Amino acid sequence: MSWMLVAAVLLATAGLLVLGVLAIRLWLDVRALAKGVDAASRALTEASAELAEAVPSR
């Protein structure tokens, strides 16, 4: 009966390790996506500023 308890603990530990690895991968992907969104936002801000300068005032 004790081998079943050991197997259950090992299976639960393996499951937690898999979830931890997936969480780290997700965090890295979210960080990369945030950098991309930040770069796009800065580019849009710069482009809108250039466009505002190019349009003559009335």
PDB file of N, CA and C in Angstrom:
ATOM      1  N   MET A   1       0.817  -1.199   0.000  1.00  0.00           N
ATOM      2  CA  MET A   1       0.000   0.000   0.000  1.00  0.00           C
ATOM      3  C   MET A   1       0.864   1.269   0.000  1.00  0.00           C
ATOM      4  N   SER A   2       2.052   1.223   0.615  1.00  0.00           N
ATOM      5  CA  SER A   2       2.890   2.412   0.684  1.00  0.00           C
ATOM      6  C   SER A   2       3.449   2.790  -0.685  1.00  0.00           C
ATOM      7  N   TRP A   3       3.608   1.796  -1.581  1.00  0.00           N
ATOM      8  CA  TRP A   3       4.109   2.114  -2.915  1.00  0.00           C
ATOM      9  C   TRP A   3       3.099   2.947  -3.685  1.00  0.00           C
ATOM     10  N   MET A   4       1.810   2.771  -3.388  1.00  0.00           N
ATOM     11  CA  MET A   4       0.785   3.586  -4.046  1.00  0.00           C
ATOM     12  C   MET A   4       0.874   5.037  -3.582  1.00  0.00           C
ATOM     13  N   LEU A   5       1.173   5.205  -2.303  1.00  0.00           N
ATOM     14  CA  LEU A   5       1.333   6.554  -1.766  1.00  0.00           C
ATOM     15  C   LEU A   5       2.555   7.231  -2.389  1.00  0.00           C
ATOM     16  N   VAL A   6       3.647   6.511  -2.520  1.00  0.00           N
ATOM     17  CA  VAL A   6       4.862   7.043  -3.141  1.00  0.00           C
ATOM     18  C   VAL A   6       4.582   7.393  -4.604  1.00  0.00           C
ATOM     19  N   ALA A   7       3.884   6.519  -5.312  1.00  0.00           N
ATOM     20  CA  ALA A   7       3.555   6.772  -6.714  1.00  0.00           C
ATOM     21  C   ALA A   7       2.673   8.012  -6.846  1.00  0.00           C
ATOM     22  N   ALA A   8       1.711   8.168  -5.943  1.00  0.00           N
ATOM     23  CA  ALA A   8       0.830   9.332  -5.987  1.00  0.00           C
ATOM     24  C   ALA A   8       1.608  10.617  -5.727  1.00  0.00           C
ATOM     25  N   VAL A   9       2.530  10.577  -4.782  1.00  0.00           N
ATOM     26  CA  VAL A   9       3.344  11.760  -4.479  1.00  0.00           C
ATOM     27  C   VAL A   9       4.250  12.085  -5.656  1.00  0.00           C
ATOM     28  N   LEU A  10       4.864  11.079  -6.264  1.00  0.00           N
ATOM     29  CA  LEU A  10       5.714  11.315  -7.422  1.00  0.00           C
ATOM     30  C   LEU A  10       4.916  11.861  -8.601  1.00  0.00           C
ATOM     31  N   LEU A  11       3.736  11.337  -8.826  1.00  0.00           N
ATOM     32  CA  LEU A  11       2.898  11.825  -9.914  1.00  0.00           C
ATOM     33  C   LEU A  11       2.462  13.269  -9.666  1.00  0.00           C
ATOM     34  N   ALA A  12       2.106  13.583  -8.443  1.00  0.00           N
ATOM     35  CA  ALA A  12       1.716  14.956  -8.113  1.00  0.00           C
ATOM     36  C   ALA A  12       2.900  15.901  -8.269  1.00  0.00           C
ATOM     37  N   THR A  13       4.087  15.467  -7.855  1.00  0.00           N
ATOM     38  CA  THR A  13       5.285  16.285  -7.999  1.00  0.00           C
ATOM     39  C   THR A  13       5.609  16.523  -9.464  1.00  0.00           C
ATOM     40  N   ALA A  14       5.503  15.495 -10.270  1.00  0.00           N
ATOM     41  CA  ALA A  14       5.760  15.638 -11.704  1.00  0.00           C
ATOM     42  C   ALA A  14       4.743  16.594 -12.327  1.00  0.00           C
ATOM     43  N   GLY A  15       3.506  16.485 -11.922  1.00  0.00           N
ATOM     44  CA  GLY A  15       2.474  17.396 -12.426  1.00  0.00           C
ATOM     45  C   GLY A  15       2.769  18.838 -12.070  1.00  0.00           C
ATOM     46  N   LEU A  16       3.199  19.068 -10.850  1.00  0.00           N
ATOM     47  CA  LEU A  16       3.533  20.427 -10.426  1.00  0.00           C
ATOM     48  C   LEU A  16       4.744  20.960 -11.186  1.00  0.00           C
ATOM     49  N   LEU A  17       5.713  20.106 -11.455  1.00  0.00           N
ATOM     50  CA  LEU A  17       6.883  20.534 -12.225  1.00  0.00           C
ATOM     51  C   LEU A  17       6.484  20.909 -13.653  1.00  0.00           C
ATOM     52  N   VAL A  18       5.608  20.127 -14.260  1.00  0.00           N
ATOM     53  CA  VAL A  18       5.136  20.445 -15.606  1.00  0.00           C
ATOM     54  C   VAL A  18       4.384  21.771 -15.603  1.00  0.00           C
ATOM     55  N   LEU A  19       3.528  21.973 -14.628  1.00  0.00           N
ATOM     56  CA  LEU A  19       2.800  23.236 -14.537  1.00  0.00           C
ATOM     57  C   LEU A  19       3.746  24.409 -14.314  1.00  0.00           C
ATOM     58  N   GLY A  20       4.787  24.208 -13.533  1.00  0.00           N
ATOM     59  CA  GLY A  20       5.772  25.264 -13.305  1.00  0.00           C
ATOM     60  C   GLY A  20       6.506  25.635 -14.583  1.00  0.00           C
ATOM     61  N   VAL A  21       6.906  24.627 -15.359  1.00  0.00           N
ATOM     62  CA  VAL A  21       7.593  24.894 -16.623  1.00  0.00           C
ATOM     63  C   VAL A  21       6.669  25.634 -17.583  1.00  0.00           C
ATOM     64  N   LEU A  22       5.424  25.205 -17.659  1.00  0.00           N
ATOM     65  CA  LEU A  22       4.467  25.888 -18.535  1.00  0.00           C
ATOM     66  C   LEU A  22       4.218  27.329 -18.088  1.00  0.00           C
ATOM     67  N   ALA A  23       4.181  27.560 -16.781  1.00  0.00           N
ATOM     68  CA  ALA A  23       3.988  28.921 -16.273  1.00  0.00           C
ATOM     69  C   ALA A  23       5.172  29.812 -16.625  1.00  0.00           C
ATOM     70  N   ILE A  24       6.366  29.277 -16.545  1.00  0.00           N
ATOM     71  CA  ILE A  24       7.559  30.060 -16.895  1.00  0.00           C
ATOM     72  C   ILE A  24       7.552  30.388 -18.385  1.00  0.00           C
ATOM     73  N   ARG A  25       7.198  29.405 -19.222  1.00  0.00           N
ATOM     74  CA  ARG A  25       7.127  29.662 -20.668  1.00  0.00           C
ATOM     75  C   ARG A  25       6.073  30.715 -20.987  1.00  0.00           C
ATOM     76  N   LEU A  26       4.934  30.642 -20.310  1.00  0.00           N
ATOM     77  CA  LEU A  26       3.878  31.625 -20.520  1.00  0.00           C
ATOM     78  C   LEU A  26       4.355  33.012 -20.107  1.00  0.00           C
ATOM     79  N   TRP A  27       5.040  33.117 -18.973  1.00  0.00           N
ATOM     80  CA  TRP A  27       5.545  34.403 -18.491  1.00  0.00           C
ATOM     81  C   TRP A  27       6.529  35.006 -19.496  1.00  0.00           C
ATOM     82  N   LEU A  28       7.404  34.163 -20.054  1.00  0.00           N
ATOM     83  CA  LEU A  28       8.369  34.660 -21.037  1.00  0.00           C
ATOM     84  C   LEU A  28       7.659  35.130 -22.307  1.00  0.00           C
ATOM     85  N   ASP A  29       6.643  34.401 -22.748  1.00  0.00           N
ATOM     86  CA  ASP A  29       5.888  34.816 -23.935  1.00  0.00           C
ATOM     87  C   ASP A  29       5.132  36.116 -23.700  1.00  0.00           C
ATOM     88  N   VAL A  30       4.557  36.258 -22.528  1.00  0.00           N
ATOM     89  CA  VAL A  30       3.829  37.493 -22.197  1.00  0.00           C
ATOM     90  C   VAL A  30       4.791  38.670 -22.141  1.00  0.00           C
ATOM     91  N   ARG A  31       5.980  38.440 -21.595  1.00  0.00           N
ATOM     92  CA  ARG A  31       6.982  39.501 -21.537  1.00  0.00           C
ATOM     93  C   ARG A  31       7.413  39.934 -22.939  1.00  0.00           C
ATOM     94  N   ALA A  32       7.602  38.971 -23.827  1.00  0.00           N
ATOM     95  CA  ALA A  32       7.979  39.293 -25.205  1.00  0.00           C
ATOM     96  C   ALA A  32       6.848  40.037 -25.908  1.00  0.00           C
ATOM     97  N   LEU A  33       5.617  39.609 -25.678  1.00  0.00           N
ATOM     98  CA  LEU A  33       4.467  40.290 -26.279  1.00  0.00           C
ATOM     99  C   LEU A  33       4.344  41.715 -25.757  1.00  0.00           C
ATOM    100  N   ALA A  34       4.587  41.919 -24.487  1.00  0.00           N
ATOM    101  CA  ALA A  34       4.516  43.265 -23.907  1.00  0.00           C
ATOM    102  C   ALA A  34       5.575  44.179 -24.521  1.00  0.00           C
ATOM    103  N   LYS A  35       6.765  43.640 -24.765  1.00  0.00           N
ATOM    104  CA  LYS A  35       7.803  44.446 -25.412  1.00  0.00           C
ATOM    105  C   LYS A  35       7.384  44.821 -26.825  1.00  0.00           C
ATOM    106  N   GLY A  36       6.763  43.886 -27.542  1.00  0.00           N
ATOM    107  CA  GLY A  36       6.286  44.170 -28.891  1.00  0.00           C
ATOM    108  C   GLY A  36       5.197  45.220 -28.903  1.00  0.00           C
ATOM    109  N   VAL A  37       4.272  45.122 -27.977  1.00  0.00           N
ATOM    110  CA  VAL A  37       3.196  46.113 -27.880  1.00  0.00           C
ATOM    111  C   VAL A  37       3.763  47.479 -27.526  1.00  0.00           C
ATOM    112  N   ASP A  38       4.749  47.512 -26.635  1.00  0.00           N
ATOM    113  CA  ASP A  38       5.376  48.778 -26.262  1.00  0.00           C
ATOM    114  C   ASP A  38       6.076  49.416 -27.462  1.00  0.00           C
ATOM    115  N   ALA A  39       6.791  48.609 -28.231  1.00  0.00           N
ATOM    116  CA  ALA A  39       7.485  49.139 -29.410  1.00  0.00           C
ATOM    117  C   ALA A  39       6.482  49.669 -30.434  1.00  0.00           C
ATOM    118  N   ALA A  40       5.395  48.944 -30.652  1.00  0.00           N
ATOM    119  CA  ALA A  40       4.373  49.390 -31.599  1.00  0.00           C
ATOM    120  C   ALA A  40       3.703  50.673 -31.119  1.00  0.00           C
ATOM    121  N   SER A  41       3.458  50.765 -29.829  1.00  0.00           N
ATOM    122  CA  SER A  41       2.844  51.967 -29.271  1.00  0.00           C
ATOM    123  C   SER A  41       3.745  53.179 -29.439  1.00  0.00           C
ATOM    124  N   ARG A  42       5.035  52.978 -29.184  1.00  0.00           N
ATOM    125  CA  ARG A  42       5.986  54.087 -29.361  1.00  0.00           C
ATOM    126  C   ARG A  42       6.074  54.504 -30.826  1.00  0.00           C
ATOM    127  N   ALA A  43       6.045  53.528 -31.735  1.00  0.00           N
ATOM    128  CA  ALA A  43       6.101  53.847 -33.161  1.00  0.00           C
ATOM    129  C   ALA A  43       4.851  54.612 -33.593  1.00  0.00           C
ATOM    130  N   LEU A  44       3.693  54.211 -33.094  1.00  0.00           N
ATOM    131  CA  LEU A  44       2.457  54.928 -33.423  1.00  0.00           C
ATOM    132  C   LEU A  44       2.464  56.344 -32.871  1.00  0.00           C
ATOM    133  N   THR A  45       2.980  56.515 -31.668  1.00  0.00           N
ATOM    134  CA  THR A  45       3.062  57.846 -31.077  1.00  0.00           C
ATOM    135  C   THR A  45       3.981  58.743 -31.895  1.00  0.00           C
ATOM    136  N   GLU A  46       5.121  58.191 -32.303  1.00  0.00           N
ATOM    137  CA  GLU A  46       6.065  58.966 -33.119  1.00  0.00           C
ATOM    138  C   GLU A  46       5.457  59.308 -34.479  1.00  0.00           C
ATOM    139  N   ALA A  47       4.775  58.351 -35.081  1.00  0.00           N
ATOM    140  CA  ALA A  47       4.156  58.599 -36.388  1.00  0.00           C
ATOM    141  C   ALA A  47       3.050  59.640 -36.288  1.00  0.00           C
ATOM    142  N   SER A  48       2.276  59.608 -35.219  1.00  0.00           N
ATOM    143  CA  SER A  48       1.209  60.598 -35.074  1.00  0.00           C
ATOM    144  C   SER A  48       1.780  61.993 -34.823  1.00  0.00           C
ATOM    145  N   ALA A  49       2.912  62.057 -34.113  1.00  0.00           N
ATOM    146  CA  ALA A  49       3.557  63.352 -33.898  1.00  0.00           C
ATOM    147  C   ALA A  49       4.095  63.909 -35.214  1.00  0.00           C
ATOM    148  N   GLU A  50       4.698  63.032 -36.035  1.00  0.00           N
ATOM    149  CA  GLU A  50       5.182  63.487 -37.346  1.00  0.00           C
ATOM    150  C   GLU A  50       4.029  63.924 -38.238  1.00  0.00           C
ATOM    151  N   LEU A  51       2.930  63.203 -38.182  1.00  0.00           N
ATOM    152  CA  LEU A  51       1.769  63.555 -38.987  1.00  0.00           C
ATOM    153  C   LEU A  51       1.186  64.901 -38.528  1.00  0.00           C
ATOM    154  N   ALA A  52       1.162  65.119 -37.226  1.00  0.00           N
ATOM    155  CA  ALA A  52       0.644  66.392 -36.712  1.00  0.00           C
ATOM    156  C   ALA A  52       1.539  67.561 -37.158  1.00  0.00           C
ATOM    157  N   GLU A  53       2.827  67.327 -37.237  1.00  0.00           N
ATOM    158  CA  GLU A  53       3.735  68.385 -37.693  1.00  0.00           C
ATOM    159  C   GLU A  53       3.579  68.645 -39.192  1.00  0.00           C
ATOM    160  N   ALA A  54       3.260  67.618 -39.948  1.00  0.00           N
ATOM    161  CA  ALA A  54       3.165  67.754 -41.404  1.00  0.00           C
ATOM    162  C   ALA A  54       1.872  68.431 -41.849  1.00  0.00           C
ATOM    163  N   VAL A  55       0.832  68.325 -41.055  1.00  0.00           N
ATOM    164  CA  VAL A  55      -0.452  68.934 -41.418  1.00  0.00           C
ATOM    165  C   VAL A  55      -0.421  70.423 -41.080  1.00  0.00           C
ATOM    166  N   PRO A  56      -0.708  71.276 -42.053  1.00  0.00           N
ATOM    167  CA  PRO A  56      -0.689  72.718 -41.759  1.00  0.00           C
ATOM    168  C   PRO A  56      -1.855  73.104 -40.845  1.00  0.00           C
ATOM    169  N   SER A  57      -1.597  74.047 -39.973  1.00  0.00           N
ATOM    170  CA  SER A  57      -2.641  74.522 -39.047  1.00  0.00           C
ATOM    171  C   SER A  57      -3.559  75.492 -39.767  1.00  0.00           C
ATOM    172  N   ARG A  58      -4.810  75.501 -39.359  1.00  0.00           N
ATOM    173  CA  ARG A  58      -5.786  76.408 -39.992  1.00  0.00           C
ATOM    174  C   ARG A  58      -5.877  77.700 -39.254  1.00  0.00           C
TER     175      ARG A  58
END
